[in-house]
């Protein structure tokens, strides 16, 4: 199968030229990437013959070119979709594929992550904490289609799932991070703790520990804001409705993750779309309060409000237990 017309081939060749240094022979480069002879590569570069579909895919992958950006209408974007989650095995595959999707950004020292944190970012709630286990419990309950009636205390996590989630966390910890939060970012996690406590599926003792874990997340974020030379940047926006969009950006590569369910994401590498998302994130950052650069008073006000909200939920649960006795 061949590319439909020479106009598309010209588009591809021009995109490849932009990736190459002027001193590099394009013909030799194409021959090397496609493992074909110099003459065969010359015929393709001179457009006397066409690239096959397989050759086009190979070139786009090698030069990190988005086929949807090159060959489709600019108003349309082709996206990848994460797999649906119904079981623990699905969850393991989700974390494995997610780690594969973003781990390549570790190859770029300039890589940056932008996160519109409607909820506590996923990277805070994966690892070996009780909260990370609780989040898996909640996700499987809400995504499995039928409510699991097992208590949180009887819930176990596969070691391989934790291993893949740690790979995700490693990416987060090794890129420059820009997160936008507001006063509702921790709400859903607190409501989940309260819901499962009220349902009799979570003990008060573990509810207390989970609240402590959420407080630890706030403390960690505050500490990172205060750390000189930190690659972590946190912004407080009072007006923006956050949506859990995530953008990974490097000079040579971009990926935008747009949620459509609790953990389900549409993923696109479309350059124009990612650049628009990057401009939007930057604009919102300018219209937000930087908690890194704020004075101690403003920073403390934000984190203290979060801590007080945690105490409020904990007090509600303790009061309900006291009413039973």
C-alpha atoms as a PDB file:
ATOM      1  CA  UNK A   1       0.000   0.000   0.000  1.00  0.00           C
ATOM      2  CA  UNK A   2       1.299   3.468  -0.923  1.00  0.00           C
ATOM      3  CA  UNK A   3       0.690   7.011   0.302  1.00  0.00           C
ATOM      4  CA  UNK A   4      -2.301   8.304  -1.670  1.00  0.00           C
ATOM      5  CA  UNK A   5      -0.552  11.210  -3.411  1.00  0.00           C
ATOM      6  CA  UNK A   6       2.741  13.069  -3.714  1.00  0.00           C
ATOM      7  CA  UNK A   7       1.418  16.053  -1.758  1.00  0.00           C
ATOM      8  CA  UNK A   8       1.367  13.902   1.366  1.00  0.00           C
ATOM      9  CA  UNK A   9       4.872  12.636   0.607  1.00  0.00           C
ATOM     10  CA  UNK A  10       6.092  16.203   0.260  1.00  0.00           C
ATOM     11  CA  UNK A  11       4.542  17.071   3.638  1.00  0.00           C
ATOM     12  CA  UNK A  12       6.329  14.139   5.263  1.00  0.00           C
ATOM     13  CA  UNK A  13       9.693  14.949   3.667  1.00  0.00           C
ATOM     14  CA  UNK A  14       9.488  18.592   4.741  1.00  0.00           C
ATOM     15  CA  UNK A  15       8.692  17.529   8.321  1.00  0.00           C
ATOM     16  CA  UNK A  16      11.695  15.177   8.352  1.00  0.00           C
ATOM     17  CA  UNK A  17      13.997  17.894   6.979  1.00  0.00           C
ATOM     18  CA  UNK A  18      13.027  20.107   9.908  1.00  0.00           C
ATOM     19  CA  UNK A  19      14.228  17.372  12.277  1.00  0.00           C
ATOM     20  CA  UNK A  20      17.648  16.987  10.606  1.00  0.00           C
ATOM     21  CA  UNK A  21      20.770  19.063  10.979  1.00  0.00           C
ATOM     22  CA  UNK A  22      21.825  20.763   7.739  1.00  0.00           C
ATOM     23  CA  UNK A  23      25.040  18.729   7.571  1.00  0.00           C
ATOM     24  CA  UNK A  24      23.151  15.406   7.466  1.00  0.00           C
ATOM     25  CA  UNK A  25      22.343  13.842   4.101  1.00  0.00           C
ATOM     26  CA  UNK A  26      18.612  13.240   3.972  1.00  0.00           C
ATOM     27  CA  UNK A  27      18.998  10.415   1.461  1.00  0.00           C
ATOM     28  CA  UNK A  28      21.510   8.570   3.636  1.00  0.00           C
ATOM     29  CA  UNK A  29      19.326   9.170   6.678  1.00  0.00           C
ATOM     30  CA  UNK A  30      16.194   7.756   4.986  1.00  0.00           C
ATOM     31  CA  UNK A  31      18.180   4.767   3.686  1.00  0.00           C
ATOM     32  CA  UNK A  32      19.429   4.034   7.194  1.00  0.00           C
ATOM     33  CA  UNK A  33      16.052   4.392   8.937  1.00  0.00           C
ATOM     34  CA  UNK A  34      14.188   2.275   6.364  1.00  0.00           C
ATOM     35  CA  UNK A  35      17.067  -0.161   5.783  1.00  0.00           C
ATOM     36  CA  UNK A  36      16.923   0.333   2.009  1.00  0.00           C
ATOM     37  CA  UNK A  37      19.584   1.133  -0.592  1.00  0.00           C
ATOM     38  CA  UNK A  38      20.870   4.635  -1.303  1.00  0.00           C
ATOM     39  CA  UNK A  39      19.248   4.544  -4.786  1.00  0.00           C
ATOM     40  CA  UNK A  40      15.882   3.461  -3.342  1.00  0.00           C
ATOM     41  CA  UNK A  41      16.047   6.266  -0.775  1.00  0.00           C
ATOM     42  CA  UNK A  42      17.013   8.752  -3.527  1.00  0.00           C
ATOM     43  CA  UNK A  43      13.945   7.800  -5.555  1.00  0.00           C
ATOM     44  CA  UNK A  44      11.716   8.439  -2.545  1.00  0.00           C
ATOM     45  CA  UNK A  45      13.356  11.743  -1.575  1.00  0.00           C
ATOM     46  CA  UNK A  46      13.173  12.952  -5.204  1.00  0.00           C
ATOM     47  CA  UNK A  47       9.533  11.744  -5.195  1.00  0.00           C
ATOM     48  CA  UNK A  48      10.044   9.471  -8.189  1.00  0.00           C
ATOM     49  CA  UNK A  49       8.582   6.684  -6.030  1.00  0.00           C
ATOM     50  CA  UNK A  50       6.276   6.698  -3.036  1.00  0.00           C
ATOM     51  CA  UNK A  51       6.720   5.671   0.571  1.00  0.00           C
ATOM     52  CA  UNK A  52       4.617   2.676   1.543  1.00  0.00           C
ATOM     53  CA  UNK A  53       2.264   3.009   4.510  1.00  0.00           C
ATOM     54  CA  UNK A  54       4.644   0.824   6.535  1.00  0.00           C
ATOM     55  CA  UNK A  55       7.591   3.072   5.625  1.00  0.00           C
ATOM     56  CA  UNK A  56       5.590   6.164   6.532  1.00  0.00           C
ATOM     57  CA  UNK A  57       4.763   4.733   9.964  1.00  0.00           C
ATOM     58  CA  UNK A  58       8.424   3.799  10.512  1.00  0.00           C
ATOM     59  CA  UNK A  59       9.585   7.317   9.625  1.00  0.00           C
ATOM     60  CA  UNK A  60       6.946   9.003  11.786  1.00  0.00           C
ATOM     61  CA  UNK A  61       7.875   6.848  14.757  1.00  0.00           C
ATOM     62  CA  UNK A  62      11.605   7.391  14.261  1.00  0.00           C
ATOM     63  CA  UNK A  63      11.297  11.186  14.007  1.00  0.00           C
ATOM     64  CA  UNK A  64       8.443  11.454  16.513  1.00  0.00           C
ATOM     65  CA  UNK A  65       6.061  12.917  13.950  1.00  0.00           C
ATOM     66  CA  UNK A  66       2.308  12.889  14.497  1.00  0.00           C
ATOM     67  CA  UNK A  67       0.536  11.348  11.501  1.00  0.00           C
ATOM     68  CA  UNK A  68      -2.756  12.933  12.525  1.00  0.00           C
ATOM     69  CA  UNK A  69      -1.074  16.350  12.465  1.00  0.00           C
ATOM     70  CA  UNK A  70       0.643  15.738   9.110  1.00  0.00           C
ATOM     71  CA  UNK A  71      -2.110  14.089   7.113  1.00  0.00           C
ATOM     72  CA  UNK A  72      -5.519  15.052   8.478  1.00  0.00           C
ATOM     73  CA  UNK A  73      -7.639  18.165   8.529  1.00  0.00           C
ATOM     74  CA  UNK A  74      -6.278  20.552  11.173  1.00  0.00           C
ATOM     75  CA  UNK A  75      -9.723  20.675  12.813  1.00  0.00           C
ATOM     76  CA  UNK A  76      -9.587  16.926  13.520  1.00  0.00           C
ATOM     77  CA  UNK A  77      -7.280  15.113  15.918  1.00  0.00           C
ATOM     78  CA  UNK A  78      -6.687  11.364  16.162  1.00  0.00           C
ATOM     79  CA  UNK A  79      -6.374  10.184  19.751  1.00  0.00           C
ATOM     80  CA  UNK A  80      -5.388   7.022  21.575  1.00  0.00           C
ATOM     81  CA  UNK A  81      -7.724   5.803  24.304  1.00  0.00           C
ATOM     82  CA  UNK A  82      -6.707   4.051  27.508  1.00  0.00           C
ATOM     83  CA  UNK A  83      -8.245   0.617  28.052  1.00  0.00           C
ATOM     84  CA  UNK A  84     -11.338   0.204  30.194  1.00  0.00           C
ATOM     85  CA  UNK A  85     -10.817  -0.979  33.778  1.00  0.00           C
ATOM     86  CA  UNK A  86     -12.986  -3.699  35.281  1.00  0.00           C
ATOM     87  CA  UNK A  87     -10.577  -5.923  37.216  1.00  0.00           C
ATOM     88  CA  UNK A  88      -7.282  -5.816  39.092  1.00  0.00           C
ATOM     89  CA  UNK A  89      -5.607  -7.207  35.937  1.00  0.00           C
ATOM     90  CA  UNK A  90      -7.071  -4.296  33.935  1.00  0.00           C
ATOM     91  CA  UNK A  91      -5.712  -1.901  36.539  1.00  0.00           C
ATOM     92  CA  UNK A  92      -2.260  -3.455  36.275  1.00  0.00           C
ATOM     93  CA  UNK A  93      -2.364  -3.120  32.462  1.00  0.00           C
ATOM     94  CA  UNK A  94      -3.490   0.496  32.849  1.00  0.00           C
ATOM     95  CA  UNK A  95      -0.495   1.404  35.004  1.00  0.00           C
ATOM     96  CA  UNK A  96       1.889  -0.560  32.784  1.00  0.00           C
ATOM     97  CA  UNK A  97       0.703   1.165  29.605  1.00  0.00           C
ATOM     98  CA  UNK A  98       0.620   4.568  31.302  1.00  0.00           C
ATOM     99  CA  UNK A  99       4.217   4.123  32.429  1.00  0.00           C
ATOM    100  CA  UNK A 100       5.209   3.146  28.890  1.00  0.00           C
ATOM    101  CA  UNK A 101       3.421   6.198  27.495  1.00  0.00           C
ATOM    102  CA  UNK A 102       5.265   8.727  29.606  1.00  0.00           C
ATOM    103  CA  UNK A 103       8.594   7.111  30.533  1.00  0.00           C
ATOM    104  CA  UNK A 104      10.197   8.288  27.274  1.00  0.00           C
ATOM    105  CA  UNK A 105      10.045  11.854  28.625  1.00  0.00           C
ATOM    106  CA  UNK A 106      12.800  10.920  31.066  1.00  0.00           C
ATOM    107  CA  UNK A 107      15.133  11.095  28.036  1.00  0.00           C
ATOM    108  CA  UNK A 108      14.551  14.861  27.810  1.00  0.00           C
ATOM    109  CA  UNK A 109      16.137  16.974  30.586  1.00  0.00           C
ATOM    110  CA  UNK A 110      13.892  19.897  29.547  1.00  0.00           C
ATOM    111  CA  UNK A 111      10.664  17.891  29.944  1.00  0.00           C
ATOM    112  CA  UNK A 112       7.870  19.596  31.868  1.00  0.00           C
ATOM    113  CA  UNK A 113       4.562  18.352  33.225  1.00  0.00           C
ATOM    114  CA  UNK A 114       1.473  20.538  33.556  1.00  0.00           C
ATOM    115  CA  UNK A 115      -1.417  19.231  35.670  1.00  0.00           C
ATOM    116  CA  UNK A 116      -4.845  20.807  36.129  1.00  0.00           C
ATOM    117  CA  UNK A 117      -5.592  19.218  39.501  1.00  0.00           C
ATOM    118  CA  UNK A 118      -9.338  18.856  39.878  1.00  0.00           C
ATOM    119  CA  UNK A 119      -8.455  15.999  42.260  1.00  0.00           C
ATOM    120  CA  UNK A 120      -5.251  15.202  44.109  1.00  0.00           C
ATOM    121  CA  UNK A 121      -2.909  14.264  41.238  1.00  0.00           C
ATOM    122  CA  UNK A 122      -2.586  10.550  40.608  1.00  0.00           C
ATOM    123  CA  UNK A 123       1.151  10.691  41.282  1.00  0.00           C
ATOM    124  CA  UNK A 124       0.525  11.589  44.937  1.00  0.00           C
ATOM    125  CA  UNK A 125      -1.722   8.595  45.478  1.00  0.00           C
ATOM    126  CA  UNK A 126       0.423   5.805  44.026  1.00  0.00           C
ATOM    127  CA  UNK A 127       3.174   4.069  45.902  1.00  0.00           C
ATOM    128  CA  UNK A 128       3.212   2.215  49.184  1.00  0.00           C
ATOM    129  CA  UNK A 129       0.957   4.322  51.405  1.00  0.00           C
ATOM    130  CA  UNK A 130      -2.383   3.336  52.851  1.00  0.00           C
ATOM    131  CA  UNK A 131      -3.950   6.066  50.714  1.00  0.00           C
ATOM    132  CA  UNK A 132      -2.532   4.524  47.530  1.00  0.00           C
ATOM    133  CA  UNK A 133      -4.153   1.206  48.475  1.00  0.00           C
ATOM    134  CA  UNK A 134      -7.431   2.971  49.296  1.00  0.00           C
ATOM    135  CA  UNK A 135      -7.449   4.759  45.937  1.00  0.00           C
ATOM    136  CA  UNK A 136      -7.091   1.430  44.113  1.00  0.00           C
ATOM    137  CA  UNK A 137      -9.953   0.083  46.224  1.00  0.00           C
ATOM    138  CA  UNK A 138     -12.139   3.074  45.346  1.00  0.00           C
ATOM    139  CA  UNK A 139     -11.289   2.998  41.641  1.00  0.00           C
ATOM    140  CA  UNK A 140     -12.077  -0.698  41.316  1.00  0.00           C
ATOM    141  CA  UNK A 141     -15.345  -0.239  43.204  1.00  0.00           C
ATOM    142  CA  UNK A 142     -16.449   2.632  41.000  1.00  0.00           C
ATOM    143  CA  UNK A 143     -15.160   1.261  37.677  1.00  0.00           C
ATOM    144  CA  UNK A 144     -16.078  -2.425  37.989  1.00  0.00           C
ATOM    145  CA  UNK A 145     -19.721  -1.821  37.109  1.00  0.00           C
ATOM    146  CA  UNK A 146     -21.015  -3.656  40.192  1.00  0.00           C
ATOM    147  CA  UNK A 147     -20.216  -2.509  43.702  1.00  0.00           C
ATOM    148  CA  UNK A 148     -17.682  -4.668  45.526  1.00  0.00           C
ATOM    149  CA  UNK A 149     -18.990  -5.333  49.036  1.00  0.00           C
ATOM    150  CA  UNK A 150     -15.639  -6.453  50.471  1.00  0.00           C
ATOM    151  CA  UNK A 151     -14.308  -4.168  53.170  1.00  0.00           C
ATOM    152  CA  UNK A 152     -11.224  -2.101  52.607  1.00  0.00           C
ATOM    153  CA  UNK A 153      -9.497  -4.061  55.354  1.00  0.00           C
ATOM    154  CA  UNK A 154      -9.854  -7.308  53.347  1.00  0.00           C
ATOM    155  CA  UNK A 155      -8.630  -5.728  50.094  1.00  0.00           C
ATOM    156  CA  UNK A 156      -5.199  -6.774  48.776  1.00  0.00           C
ATOM    157  CA  UNK A 157      -3.018  -5.329  46.024  1.00  0.00           C
ATOM    158  CA  UNK A 158      -0.850  -7.278  43.586  1.00  0.00           C
ATOM    159  CA  UNK A 159       2.858  -6.530  43.906  1.00  0.00           C
ATOM    160  CA  UNK A 160       3.237  -6.166  40.112  1.00  0.00           C
ATOM    161  CA  UNK A 161       0.658  -3.358  40.103  1.00  0.00           C
ATOM    162  CA  UNK A 162       2.680  -1.456  42.694  1.00  0.00           C
ATOM    163  CA  UNK A 163       5.802  -1.956  40.579  1.00  0.00           C
ATOM    164  CA  UNK A 164       4.225  -0.339  37.509  1.00  0.00           C
ATOM    165  CA  UNK A 165       2.750   2.502  39.549  1.00  0.00           C
ATOM    166  CA  UNK A 166       6.228   3.260  40.925  1.00  0.00           C
ATOM    167  CA  UNK A 167       7.502   3.685  37.359  1.00  0.00           C
ATOM    168  CA  UNK A 168       4.809   6.291  36.803  1.00  0.00           C
ATOM    169  CA  UNK A 169       5.829   8.076  39.970  1.00  0.00           C
ATOM    170  CA  UNK A 170       9.488   8.064  38.862  1.00  0.00           C
ATOM    171  CA  UNK A 171       8.599  10.123  35.802  1.00  0.00           C
ATOM    172  CA  UNK A 172       6.718  12.633  37.938  1.00  0.00           C
ATOM    173  CA  UNK A 173       9.643  12.991  40.312  1.00  0.00           C
ATOM    174  CA  UNK A 174      12.189  13.560  37.539  1.00  0.00           C
ATOM    175  CA  UNK A 175      10.554  16.222  35.375  1.00  0.00           C
ATOM    176  CA  UNK A 176       9.769  19.865  36.052  1.00  0.00           C
ATOM    177  CA  UNK A 177       6.203  19.988  37.379  1.00  0.00           C
ATOM    178  CA  UNK A 178       3.626  22.788  37.173  1.00  0.00           C
ATOM    179  CA  UNK A 179       0.346  22.070  38.999  1.00  0.00           C
ATOM    180  CA  UNK A 180      -2.748  24.242  39.351  1.00  0.00           C
ATOM    181  CA  UNK A 181      -4.838  23.552  42.468  1.00  0.00           C
ATOM    182  CA  UNK A 182      -7.834  25.224  44.078  1.00  0.00           C
ATOM    183  CA  UNK A 183      -9.728  24.833  47.344  1.00  0.00           C
ATOM    184  CA  UNK A 184     -11.683  21.820  46.024  1.00  0.00           C
ATOM    185  CA  UNK A 185      -8.710  19.701  44.888  1.00  0.00           C
ATOM    186  CA  UNK A 186      -8.751  17.483  47.998  1.00  0.00           C
ATOM    187  CA  UNK A 187     -12.562  17.279  48.211  1.00  0.00           C
ATOM    188  CA  UNK A 188     -13.179  14.077  46.270  1.00  0.00           C
ATOM    189  CA  UNK A 189     -10.587  12.093  48.254  1.00  0.00           C
ATOM    190  CA  UNK A 190     -12.134  13.217  51.536  1.00  0.00           C
ATOM    191  CA  UNK A 191     -15.631  12.438  50.274  1.00  0.00           C
ATOM    192  CA  UNK A 192     -14.500   8.950  49.245  1.00  0.00           C
ATOM    193  CA  UNK A 193     -13.124   8.280  52.735  1.00  0.00           C
ATOM    194  CA  UNK A 194     -16.375   9.511  54.263  1.00  0.00           C
ATOM    195  CA  UNK A 195     -18.576   7.517  51.862  1.00  0.00           C
ATOM    196  CA  UNK A 196     -16.880   4.174  52.485  1.00  0.00           C
ATOM    197  CA  UNK A 197     -16.768   4.857  56.222  1.00  0.00           C
ATOM    198  CA  UNK A 198     -20.520   5.517  56.244  1.00  0.00           C
ATOM    199  CA  UNK A 199     -21.079   2.385  54.158  1.00  0.00           C
ATOM    200  CA  UNK A 200     -19.420   0.291  56.845  1.00  0.00           C
ATOM    201  CA  UNK A 201     -16.650  -0.748  54.447  1.00  0.00           C
ATOM    202  CA  UNK A 202     -13.913   1.328  56.103  1.00  0.00           C
ATOM    203  CA  UNK A 203     -13.031   1.363  59.795  1.00  0.00           C
ATOM    204  CA  UNK A 204     -12.661   4.600  61.737  1.00  0.00           C
ATOM    205  CA  UNK A 205      -9.058   3.651  62.550  1.00  0.00           C
ATOM    206  CA  UNK A 206      -8.171   3.432  58.872  1.00  0.00           C
ATOM    207  CA  UNK A 207     -10.212   6.550  58.086  1.00  0.00           C
ATOM    208  CA  UNK A 208      -8.010   8.421  60.572  1.00  0.00           C
ATOM    209  CA  UNK A 209      -4.865   7.053  58.903  1.00  0.00           C
ATOM    210  CA  UNK A 210      -6.145   8.030  55.457  1.00  0.00           C
ATOM    211  CA  UNK A 211      -6.824  11.559  56.667  1.00  0.00           C
ATOM    212  CA  UNK A 212      -3.268  11.625  57.991  1.00  0.00           C
ATOM    213  CA  UNK A 213      -2.011  10.547  54.559  1.00  0.00           C
ATOM    214  CA  UNK A 214      -3.925  13.390  52.888  1.00  0.00           C
ATOM    215  CA  UNK A 215      -2.445  15.817  55.396  1.00  0.00           C
ATOM    216  CA  UNK A 216       1.000  14.415  54.555  1.00  0.00           C
ATOM    217  CA  UNK A 217       0.355  15.157  50.874  1.00  0.00           C
ATOM    218  CA  UNK A 218      -0.438  18.780  51.729  1.00  0.00           C
ATOM    219  CA  UNK A 219       2.667  19.015  53.896  1.00  0.00           C
ATOM    220  CA  UNK A 220       4.828  17.510  51.165  1.00  0.00           C
ATOM    221  CA  UNK A 221       3.469  19.970  48.591  1.00  0.00           C
ATOM    222  CA  UNK A 222       4.078  22.866  50.969  1.00  0.00           C
ATOM    223  CA  UNK A 223       7.634  21.722  51.687  1.00  0.00           C
ATOM    224  CA  UNK A 224       8.404  21.410  47.984  1.00  0.00           C
ATOM    225  CA  UNK A 225       7.047  24.924  47.385  1.00  0.00           C
ATOM    226  CA  UNK A 226       9.484  26.274  49.963  1.00  0.00           C
ATOM    227  CA  UNK A 227      12.510  24.359  48.713  1.00  0.00           C
ATOM    228  CA  UNK A 228      14.991  26.596  46.918  1.00  0.00           C
ATOM    229  CA  UNK A 229      15.759  25.438  43.392  1.00  0.00           C
ATOM    230  CA  UNK A 230      12.780  23.070  43.376  1.00  0.00           C
ATOM    231  CA  UNK A 231      11.490  21.855  39.997  1.00  0.00           C
ATOM    232  CA  UNK A 232       8.018  21.707  41.541  1.00  0.00           C
ATOM    233  CA  UNK A 233       5.728  24.684  40.926  1.00  0.00           C
ATOM    234  CA  UNK A 234       2.299  24.970  42.529  1.00  0.00           C
ATOM    235  CA  UNK A 235      -0.331  27.556  41.627  1.00  0.00           C
ATOM    236  CA  UNK A 236      -3.573  28.447  43.375  1.00  0.00           C
ATOM    237  CA  UNK A 237      -6.453  29.506  41.137  1.00  0.00           C
ATOM    238  CA  UNK A 238      -9.670  30.701  42.777  1.00  0.00           C
ATOM    239  CA  UNK A 239     -11.771  30.863  39.583  1.00  0.00           C
ATOM    240  CA  UNK A 240     -10.649  28.180  37.153  1.00  0.00           C
ATOM    241  CA  UNK A 241     -12.696  24.981  36.958  1.00  0.00           C
ATOM    242  CA  UNK A 242      -9.973  22.337  36.909  1.00  0.00           C
ATOM    243  CA  UNK A 243     -10.330  19.171  34.825  1.00  0.00           C
ATOM    244  CA  UNK A 244      -7.382  16.795  35.496  1.00  0.00           C
ATOM    245  CA  UNK A 245      -5.830  17.465  32.080  1.00  0.00           C
ATOM    246  CA  UNK A 246      -2.154  16.513  31.981  1.00  0.00           C
ATOM    247  CA  UNK A 247       0.381  17.811  29.468  1.00  0.00           C
ATOM    248  CA  UNK A 248       3.912  16.476  29.099  1.00  0.00           C
ATOM    249  CA  UNK A 249       6.041  18.799  27.025  1.00  0.00           C
ATOM    250  CA  UNK A 250       9.592  18.681  25.694  1.00  0.00           C
ATOM    251  CA  UNK A 251      11.134  20.469  22.690  1.00  0.00           C
ATOM    252  CA  UNK A 252      11.071  17.232  20.683  1.00  0.00           C
ATOM    253  CA  UNK A 253       7.855  15.651  21.979  1.00  0.00           C
ATOM    254  CA  UNK A 254       4.450  16.454  23.476  1.00  0.00           C
ATOM    255  CA  UNK A 255       1.602  14.367  24.910  1.00  0.00           C
ATOM    256  CA  UNK A 256      -1.756  15.631  26.150  1.00  0.00           C
ATOM    257  CA  UNK A 257      -3.956  13.451  28.394  1.00  0.00           C
ATOM    258  CA  UNK A 258      -7.638  14.447  28.546  1.00  0.00           C
ATOM    259  CA  UNK A 259      -9.889  12.517  30.990  1.00  0.00           C
ATOM    260  CA  UNK A 260     -13.198  11.057  29.868  1.00  0.00           C
ATOM    261  CA  UNK A 261     -13.869   8.813  32.905  1.00  0.00           C
ATOM    262  CA  UNK A 262     -12.344   8.541  36.385  1.00  0.00           C
ATOM    263  CA  UNK A 263      -9.093   7.006  35.097  1.00  0.00           C
ATOM    264  CA  UNK A 264      -9.833   6.867  31.367  1.00  0.00           C
ATOM    265  CA  UNK A 265      -7.888   9.298  29.188  1.00  0.00           C
ATOM    266  CA  UNK A 266      -7.773  10.309  25.552  1.00  0.00           C
ATOM    267  CA  UNK A 267      -4.132  10.773  24.549  1.00  0.00           C
ATOM    268  CA  UNK A 268      -2.869  12.851  21.640  1.00  0.00           C
ATOM    269  CA  UNK A 269       0.587  13.827  20.434  1.00  0.00           C
ATOM    270  CA  UNK A 270      -0.836  16.318  17.946  1.00  0.00           C
ATOM    271  CA  UNK A 271       1.621  19.220  17.989  1.00  0.00           C
ATOM    272  CA  UNK A 272      -0.926  21.996  17.399  1.00  0.00           C
ATOM    273  CA  UNK A 273      -3.291  20.683  20.085  1.00  0.00           C
ATOM    274  CA  UNK A 274      -0.468  20.223  22.598  1.00  0.00           C
ATOM    275  CA  UNK A 275       0.888  23.708  21.877  1.00  0.00           C
ATOM    276  CA  UNK A 276      -2.571  25.199  22.413  1.00  0.00           C
ATOM    277  CA  UNK A 277      -2.855  23.303  25.707  1.00  0.00           C
ATOM    278  CA  UNK A 278       0.602  24.542  26.713  1.00  0.00           C
ATOM    279  CA  UNK A 279      -0.377  28.158  26.026  1.00  0.00           C
ATOM    280  CA  UNK A 280      -3.561  27.665  28.036  1.00  0.00           C
ATOM    281  CA  UNK A 281      -1.643  26.239  31.010  1.00  0.00           C
ATOM    282  CA  UNK A 282       0.832  29.113  30.873  1.00  0.00           C
ATOM    283  CA  UNK A 283      -1.963  31.664  30.691  1.00  0.00           C
ATOM    284  CA  UNK A 284      -3.722  30.112  33.684  1.00  0.00           C
ATOM    285  CA  UNK A 285      -0.464  30.028  35.633  1.00  0.00           C
ATOM    286  CA  UNK A 286      -0.064  33.771  35.076  1.00  0.00           C
ATOM    287  CA  UNK A 287      -3.601  34.312  36.357  1.00  0.00           C
ATOM    288  CA  UNK A 288      -3.013  32.136  39.424  1.00  0.00           C
ATOM    289  CA  UNK A 289      -1.133  32.766  42.636  1.00  0.00           C
ATOM    290  CA  UNK A 290       2.250  31.057  42.673  1.00  0.00           C
ATOM    291  CA  UNK A 291       2.551  29.340  46.040  1.00  0.00           C
ATOM    292  CA  UNK A 292       6.306  29.033  45.450  1.00  0.00           C
ATOM    293  CA  UNK A 293       6.713  32.794  45.188  1.00  0.00           C
ATOM    294  CA  UNK A 294       3.979  33.835  47.617  1.00  0.00           C
ATOM    295  CA  UNK A 295       4.839  35.064  51.057  1.00  0.00           C
ATOM    296  CA  UNK A 296       4.647  32.634  53.957  1.00  0.00           C
ATOM    297  CA  UNK A 297       1.277  34.039  55.055  1.00  0.00           C
ATOM    298  CA  UNK A 298      -0.510  33.388  51.732  1.00  0.00           C
ATOM    299  CA  UNK A 299       1.005  29.932  51.415  1.00  0.00           C
ATOM    300  CA  UNK A 300       0.015  29.015  54.980  1.00  0.00           C
ATOM    301  CA  UNK A 301      -3.539  30.272  54.418  1.00  0.00           C
ATOM    302  CA  UNK A 302      -3.989  27.908  51.481  1.00  0.00           C
ATOM    303  CA  UNK A 303      -2.574  24.805  53.152  1.00  0.00           C
ATOM    304  CA  UNK A 304      -4.248  25.549  56.488  1.00  0.00           C
ATOM    305  CA  UNK A 305      -7.646  25.673  54.771  1.00  0.00           C
ATOM    306  CA  UNK A 306      -6.972  22.215  53.378  1.00  0.00           C
ATOM    307  CA  UNK A 307      -5.876  20.885  56.760  1.00  0.00           C
ATOM    308  CA  UNK A 308      -8.967  22.321  58.446  1.00  0.00           C
ATOM    309  CA  UNK A 309     -11.181  20.641  55.851  1.00  0.00           C
ATOM    310  CA  UNK A 310      -9.546  17.284  56.641  1.00  0.00           C
ATOM    311  CA  UNK A 311     -10.133  17.864  60.362  1.00  0.00           C
ATOM    312  CA  UNK A 312     -13.795  18.662  59.625  1.00  0.00           C
ATOM    313  CA  UNK A 313     -14.373  15.340  57.850  1.00  0.00           C
ATOM    314  CA  UNK A 314     -12.523  13.424  60.547  1.00  0.00           C
ATOM    315  CA  UNK A 315     -14.588  15.070  63.258  1.00  0.00           C
ATOM    316  CA  UNK A 316     -17.805  14.161  61.400  1.00  0.00           C
ATOM    317  CA  UNK A 317     -16.816  10.498  61.352  1.00  0.00           C
ATOM    318  CA  UNK A 318     -15.769  10.457  64.998  1.00  0.00           C
ATOM    319  CA  UNK A 319     -19.031  12.128  66.017  1.00  0.00           C
ATOM    320  CA  UNK A 320     -21.053   9.503  64.128  1.00  0.00           C
ATOM    321  CA  UNK A 321     -19.221   6.712  65.968  1.00  0.00           C
ATOM    322  CA  UNK A 322     -19.884   8.390  69.335  1.00  0.00           C
ATOM    323  CA  UNK A 323     -23.612   8.574  68.543  1.00  0.00           C
ATOM    324  CA  UNK A 324     -23.697   4.795  68.184  1.00  0.00           C
ATOM    325  CA  UNK A 325     -22.575   4.254  71.785  1.00  0.00           C
END
